Amino acid sequence: MDKDRIKGSAEQAKGKVKEVAGRATGDKKLTAEGKANKVSGKIRSAVGGLKDALRGR
């Protein structure tokens, strides 16, 4: 498993926590940061998956 996939999954989890915390507190900035982290995590995971596919895993 590629390091990018692991980091991407962690980034998605961090984003989900931020998004939920932002909604709970009414903090729109924190909610937006959480959504951005989730998207960046998904992209990073996809890149890692592509690297794994190219390596034949």
PDB file of N, CA and C in Angstrom:
ATOM      1  N   MET A   1       0.846  -1.173   0.000  1.00  0.00           N
ATOM      2  CA  MET A   1       0.000   0.000   0.000  1.00  0.00           C
ATOM      3  C   MET A   1       0.892   1.236   0.000  1.00  0.00           C
ATOM      4  N   ASP A   2       0.563   2.167  -0.852  1.00  0.00           N
ATOM      5  CA  ASP A   2       1.360   3.375  -1.008  1.00  0.00           C
ATOM      6  C   ASP A   2       1.138   4.337   0.169  1.00  0.00           C
ATOM      7  N   LYS A   3       2.180   5.069   0.529  1.00  0.00           N
ATOM      8  CA  LYS A   3       2.099   6.039   1.630  1.00  0.00           C
ATOM      9  C   LYS A   3       1.047   7.104   1.355  1.00  0.00           C
ATOM     10  N   ASP A   4       0.861   7.465   0.081  1.00  0.00           N
ATOM     11  CA  ASP A   4      -0.141   8.482  -0.247  1.00  0.00           C
ATOM     12  C   ASP A   4      -1.549   8.010   0.098  1.00  0.00           C
ATOM     13  N   ARG A   5      -1.806   6.729  -0.067  1.00  0.00           N
ATOM     14  CA  ARG A   5      -3.134   6.210   0.284  1.00  0.00           C
ATOM     15  C   ARG A   5      -3.364   6.300   1.785  1.00  0.00           C
ATOM     16  N   ILE A   6      -2.348   6.002   2.560  1.00  0.00           N
ATOM     17  CA  ILE A   6      -2.469   6.056   4.019  1.00  0.00           C
ATOM     18  C   ILE A   6      -2.659   7.504   4.471  1.00  0.00           C
ATOM     19  N   LYS A   7      -1.828   8.397   3.950  1.00  0.00           N
ATOM     20  CA  LYS A   7      -1.937   9.810   4.320  1.00  0.00           C
ATOM     21  C   LYS A   7      -3.265  10.393   3.845  1.00  0.00           C
ATOM     22  N   GLY A   8      -3.719   9.956   2.690  1.00  0.00           N
ATOM     23  CA  GLY A   8      -5.002  10.432   2.168  1.00  0.00           C
ATOM     24  C   GLY A   8      -6.160  10.019   3.053  1.00  0.00           C
ATOM     25  N   SER A   9      -6.127   8.794   3.533  1.00  0.00           N
ATOM     26  CA  SER A   9      -7.173   8.312   4.436  1.00  0.00           C
ATOM     27  C   SER A   9      -7.161   9.089   5.749  1.00  0.00           C
ATOM     28  N   ALA A  10      -5.971   9.369   6.252  1.00  0.00           N
ATOM     29  CA  ALA A  10      -5.851  10.150   7.487  1.00  0.00           C
ATOM     30  C   ALA A  10      -6.374  11.568   7.267  1.00  0.00           C
ATOM     31  N   GLU A  11      -6.076  12.128   6.112  1.00  0.00           N
ATOM     32  CA  GLU A  11      -6.533  13.487   5.792  1.00  0.00           C
ATOM     33  C   GLU A  11      -8.067  13.530   5.704  1.00  0.00           C
ATOM     34  N   GLN A  12      -8.651  12.493   5.121  1.00  0.00           N
ATOM     35  CA  GLN A  12     -10.110  12.424   5.032  1.00  0.00           C
ATOM     36  C   GLN A  12     -10.736  12.352   6.417  1.00  0.00           C
ATOM     37  N   ALA A  13     -10.151  11.544   7.295  1.00  0.00           N
ATOM     38  CA  ALA A  13     -10.670  11.413   8.656  1.00  0.00           C
ATOM     39  C   ALA A  13     -10.568  12.742   9.405  1.00  0.00           C
ATOM     40  N   LYS A  14      -9.432  13.407   9.253  1.00  0.00           N
ATOM     41  CA  LYS A  14      -9.235  14.708   9.904  1.00  0.00           C
ATOM     42  C   LYS A  14     -10.262  15.716   9.381  1.00  0.00           C
ATOM     43  N   GLY A  15     -10.508  15.668   8.088  1.00  0.00           N
ATOM     44  CA  GLY A  15     -11.485  16.571   7.495  1.00  0.00           C
ATOM     45  C   GLY A  15     -12.883  16.317   8.001  1.00  0.00           C
ATOM     46  N   LYS A  16     -13.231  15.050   8.171  1.00  0.00           N
ATOM     47  CA  LYS A  16     -14.562  14.704   8.681  1.00  0.00           C
ATOM     48  C   LYS A  16     -14.741  15.230  10.096  1.00  0.00           C
ATOM     49  N   VAL A  17     -13.715  15.083  10.917  1.00  0.00           N
ATOM     50  CA  VAL A  17     -13.789  15.571  12.298  1.00  0.00           C
ATOM     51  C   VAL A  17     -13.969  17.088  12.311  1.00  0.00           C
ATOM     52  N   LYS A  18     -13.189  17.784  11.487  1.00  0.00           N
ATOM     53  CA  LYS A  18     -13.296  19.247  11.428  1.00  0.00           C
ATOM     54  C   LYS A  18     -14.681  19.674  10.944  1.00  0.00           C
ATOM     55  N   GLU A  19     -15.175  18.973   9.929  1.00  0.00           N
ATOM     56  CA  GLU A  19     -16.487  19.326   9.380  1.00  0.00           C
ATOM     57  C   GLU A  19     -17.590  19.154  10.426  1.00  0.00           C
ATOM     58  N   VAL A  20     -17.566  18.044  11.132  1.00  0.00           N
ATOM     59  CA  VAL A  20     -18.573  17.781  12.166  1.00  0.00           C
ATOM     60  C   VAL A  20     -18.453  18.800  13.306  1.00  0.00           C
ATOM     61  N   ALA A  21     -17.218  19.091  13.721  1.00  0.00           N
ATOM     62  CA  ALA A  21     -17.010  20.065  14.794  1.00  0.00           C
ATOM     63  C   ALA A  21     -17.488  21.451  14.354  1.00  0.00           C
ATOM     64  N   GLY A  22     -17.227  21.791  13.105  1.00  0.00           N
ATOM     65  CA  GLY A  22     -17.673  23.084  12.590  1.00  0.00           C
ATOM     66  C   GLY A  22     -19.181  23.202  12.565  1.00  0.00           C
ATOM     67  N   ARG A  23     -19.841  22.125  12.157  1.00  0.00           N
ATOM     68  CA  ARG A  23     -21.317  22.134  12.147  1.00  0.00           C
ATOM     69  C   ARG A  23     -21.868  22.240  13.557  1.00  0.00           C
ATOM     70  N   ALA A  24     -21.256  21.508  14.494  1.00  0.00           N
ATOM     71  CA  ALA A  24     -21.745  21.492  15.877  1.00  0.00           C
ATOM     72  C   ALA A  24     -21.607  22.855  16.539  1.00  0.00           C
ATOM     73  N   THR A  25     -20.541  23.574  16.194  1.00  0.00           N
ATOM     74  CA  THR A  25     -20.314  24.875  16.819  1.00  0.00           C
ATOM     75  C   THR A  25     -20.832  26.036  15.987  1.00  0.00           C
ATOM     76  N   GLY A  26     -21.262  25.744  14.769  1.00  0.00           N
ATOM     77  CA  GLY A  26     -21.750  26.803  13.894  1.00  0.00           C
ATOM     78  C   GLY A  26     -20.627  27.587  13.236  1.00  0.00           C
ATOM     79  N   ASP A  27     -19.430  27.032  13.239  1.00  0.00           N
ATOM     80  CA  ASP A  27     -18.255  27.688  12.664  1.00  0.00           C
ATOM     81  C   ASP A  27     -18.146  27.319  11.182  1.00  0.00           C
ATOM     82  N   LYS A  28     -18.545  28.243  10.320  1.00  0.00           N
ATOM     83  CA  LYS A  28     -18.552  27.969   8.877  1.00  0.00           C
ATOM     84  C   LYS A  28     -17.143  27.797   8.318  1.00  0.00           C
ATOM     85  N   LYS A  29     -16.183  28.514   8.877  1.00  0.00           N
ATOM     86  CA  LYS A  29     -14.806  28.400   8.405  1.00  0.00           C
ATOM     87  C   LYS A  29     -14.249  26.999   8.685  1.00  0.00           C
ATOM     88  N   LEU A  30     -14.490  26.496   9.879  1.00  0.00           N
ATOM     89  CA  LEU A  30     -14.026  25.159  10.253  1.00  0.00           C
ATOM     90  C   LEU A  30     -14.715  24.088   9.398  1.00  0.00           C
ATOM     91  N   THR A  31     -15.994  24.275   9.132  1.00  0.00           N
ATOM     92  CA  THR A  31     -16.728  23.345   8.273  1.00  0.00           C
ATOM     93  C   THR A  31     -16.130  23.328   6.874  1.00  0.00           C
ATOM     94  N   ALA A  32     -15.817  24.495   6.348  1.00  0.00           N
ATOM     95  CA  ALA A  32     -15.227  24.588   5.009  1.00  0.00           C
ATOM     96  C   ALA A  32     -13.839  23.949   4.976  1.00  0.00           C
ATOM     97  N   GLU A  33     -13.045  24.175   6.029  1.00  0.00           N
ATOM     98  CA  GLU A  33     -11.719  23.555   6.105  1.00  0.00           C
ATOM     99  C   GLU A  33     -11.847  22.034   6.118  1.00  0.00           C
ATOM    100  N   GLY A  34     -12.823  21.541   6.854  1.00  0.00           N
ATOM    101  CA  GLY A  34     -13.043  20.103   6.923  1.00  0.00           C
ATOM    102  C   GLY A  34     -13.394  19.518   5.565  1.00  0.00           C
ATOM    103  N   LYS A  35     -14.269  20.206   4.838  1.00  0.00           N
ATOM    104  CA  LYS A  35     -14.642  19.738   3.502  1.00  0.00           C
ATOM    105  C   LYS A  35     -13.436  19.754   2.572  1.00  0.00           C
ATOM    106  N   ALA A  36     -12.616  20.786   2.675  1.00  0.00           N
ATOM    107  CA  ALA A  36     -11.419  20.885   1.834  1.00  0.00           C
ATOM    108  C   ALA A  36     -10.436  19.758   2.171  1.00  0.00           C
ATOM    109  N   ASN A  37     -10.284  19.449   3.451  1.00  0.00           N
ATOM    110  CA  ASN A  37      -9.389  18.360   3.851  1.00  0.00           C
ATOM    111  C   ASN A  37      -9.886  17.025   3.314  1.00  0.00           C
ATOM    112  N   LYS A  38     -11.202  16.828   3.349  1.00  0.00           N
ATOM    113  CA  LYS A  38     -11.756  15.575   2.844  1.00  0.00           C
ATOM    114  C   LYS A  38     -11.473  15.423   1.353  1.00  0.00           C
ATOM    115  N   VAL A  39     -11.660  16.496   0.602  1.00  0.00           N
ATOM    116  CA  VAL A  39     -11.407  16.445  -0.840  1.00  0.00           C
ATOM    117  C   VAL A  39      -9.931  16.195  -1.118  1.00  0.00           C
ATOM    118  N   SER A  40      -9.062  16.897  -0.412  1.00  0.00           N
ATOM    119  CA  SER A  40      -7.630  16.704  -0.643  1.00  0.00           C
ATOM    120  C   SER A  40      -7.214  15.291  -0.250  1.00  0.00           C
ATOM    121  N   GLY A  41      -7.827  14.737   0.781  1.00  0.00           N
ATOM    122  CA  GLY A  41      -7.539  13.358   1.178  1.00  0.00           C
ATOM    123  C   GLY A  41      -7.984  12.361   0.128  1.00  0.00           C
ATOM    124  N   LYS A  42      -9.139  12.611  -0.475  1.00  0.00           N
ATOM    125  CA  LYS A  42      -9.630  11.721  -1.533  1.00  0.00           C
ATOM    126  C   LYS A  42      -8.693  11.755  -2.730  1.00  0.00           C
ATOM    127  N   ILE A  43      -8.223  12.940  -3.070  1.00  0.00           N
ATOM    128  CA  ILE A  43      -7.296  13.075  -4.198  1.00  0.00           C
ATOM    129  C   ILE A  43      -5.993  12.339  -3.896  1.00  0.00           C
ATOM    130  N   ARG A  44      -5.486  12.534  -2.698  1.00  0.00           N
ATOM    131  CA  ARG A  44      -4.222  11.883  -2.323  1.00  0.00           C
ATOM    132  C   ARG A  44      -4.366  10.359  -2.323  1.00  0.00           C
ATOM    133  N   SER A  45      -5.512   9.864  -1.853  1.00  0.00           N
ATOM    134  CA  SER A  45      -5.765   8.427  -1.875  1.00  0.00           C
ATOM    135  C   SER A  45      -5.820   7.901  -3.301  1.00  0.00           C
ATOM    136  N   ALA A  46      -6.442   8.669  -4.180  1.00  0.00           N
ATOM    137  CA  ALA A  46      -6.535   8.269  -5.581  1.00  0.00           C
ATOM    138  C   ALA A  46      -5.152   8.203  -6.220  1.00  0.00           C
ATOM    139  N   VAL A  47      -4.306   9.168  -5.901  1.00  0.00           N
ATOM    140  CA  VAL A  47      -2.932   9.170  -6.426  1.00  0.00           C
ATOM    141  C   VAL A  47      -2.191   7.935  -5.918  1.00  0.00           C
ATOM    142  N   GLY A  48      -2.359   7.629  -4.655  1.00  0.00           N
ATOM    143  CA  GLY A  48      -1.724   6.437  -4.092  1.00  0.00           C
ATOM    144  C   GLY A  48      -2.233   5.166  -4.746  1.00  0.00           C
ATOM    145  N   GLY A  49      -3.529   5.114  -5.017  1.00  0.00           N
ATOM    146  CA  GLY A  49      -4.099   3.957  -5.699  1.00  0.00           C
ATOM    147  C   GLY A  49      -3.543   3.804  -7.102  1.00  0.00           C
ATOM    148  N   LEU A  50      -3.368   4.911  -7.765  1.00  0.00           N
ATOM    149  CA  LEU A  50      -2.793   4.887  -9.109  1.00  0.00           C
ATOM    150  C   LEU A  50      -1.354   4.382  -9.070  1.00  0.00           C
ATOM    151  N   LYS A  51      -0.609   4.853  -8.084  1.00  0.00           N
ATOM    152  CA  LYS A  51       0.786   4.387  -7.942  1.00  0.00           C
ATOM    153  C   LYS A  51       0.818   2.879  -7.692  1.00  0.00           C
ATOM    154  N   ASP A  52      -0.092   2.401  -6.831  1.00  0.00           N
ATOM    155  CA  ASP A  52      -0.155   0.962  -6.559  1.00  0.00           C
ATOM    156  C   ASP A  52      -0.495   0.190  -7.828  1.00  0.00           C
ATOM    157  N   ALA A  53      -1.420   0.712  -8.618  1.00  0.00           N
ATOM    158  CA  ALA A  53      -1.822   0.048  -9.855  1.00  0.00           C
ATOM    159  C   ALA A  53      -0.655  -0.009 -10.832  1.00  0.00           C
ATOM    160  N   LEU A  54       0.116   1.046 -10.885  1.00  0.00           N
ATOM    161  CA  LEU A  54       1.247   1.071 -11.794  1.00  0.00           C
ATOM    162  C   LEU A  54       2.340   0.095 -11.368  1.00  0.00           C
ATOM    163  N   ARG A  55       2.431  -0.124 -10.068  1.00  0.00           N
ATOM    164  CA  ARG A  55       3.413  -1.082  -9.557  1.00  0.00           C
ATOM    165  C   ARG A  55       2.916  -2.524  -9.674  1.00  0.00           C
ATOM    166  N   GLY A  56       1.637  -2.675  -9.961  1.00  0.00           N
ATOM    167  CA  GLY A  56       1.079  -4.005 -10.122  1.00  0.00           C
ATOM    168  C   GLY A  56       0.585  -4.646  -8.846  1.00  0.00           C
ATOM    169  N   ARG A  57       0.201  -3.833  -7.875  1.00  0.00           N
ATOM    170  CA  ARG A  57      -0.301  -4.377  -6.605  1.00  0.00           C
ATOM    171  C   ARG A  57      -1.782  -4.490  -6.638  1.00  0.00           C
TER     172      ARG A  57
END
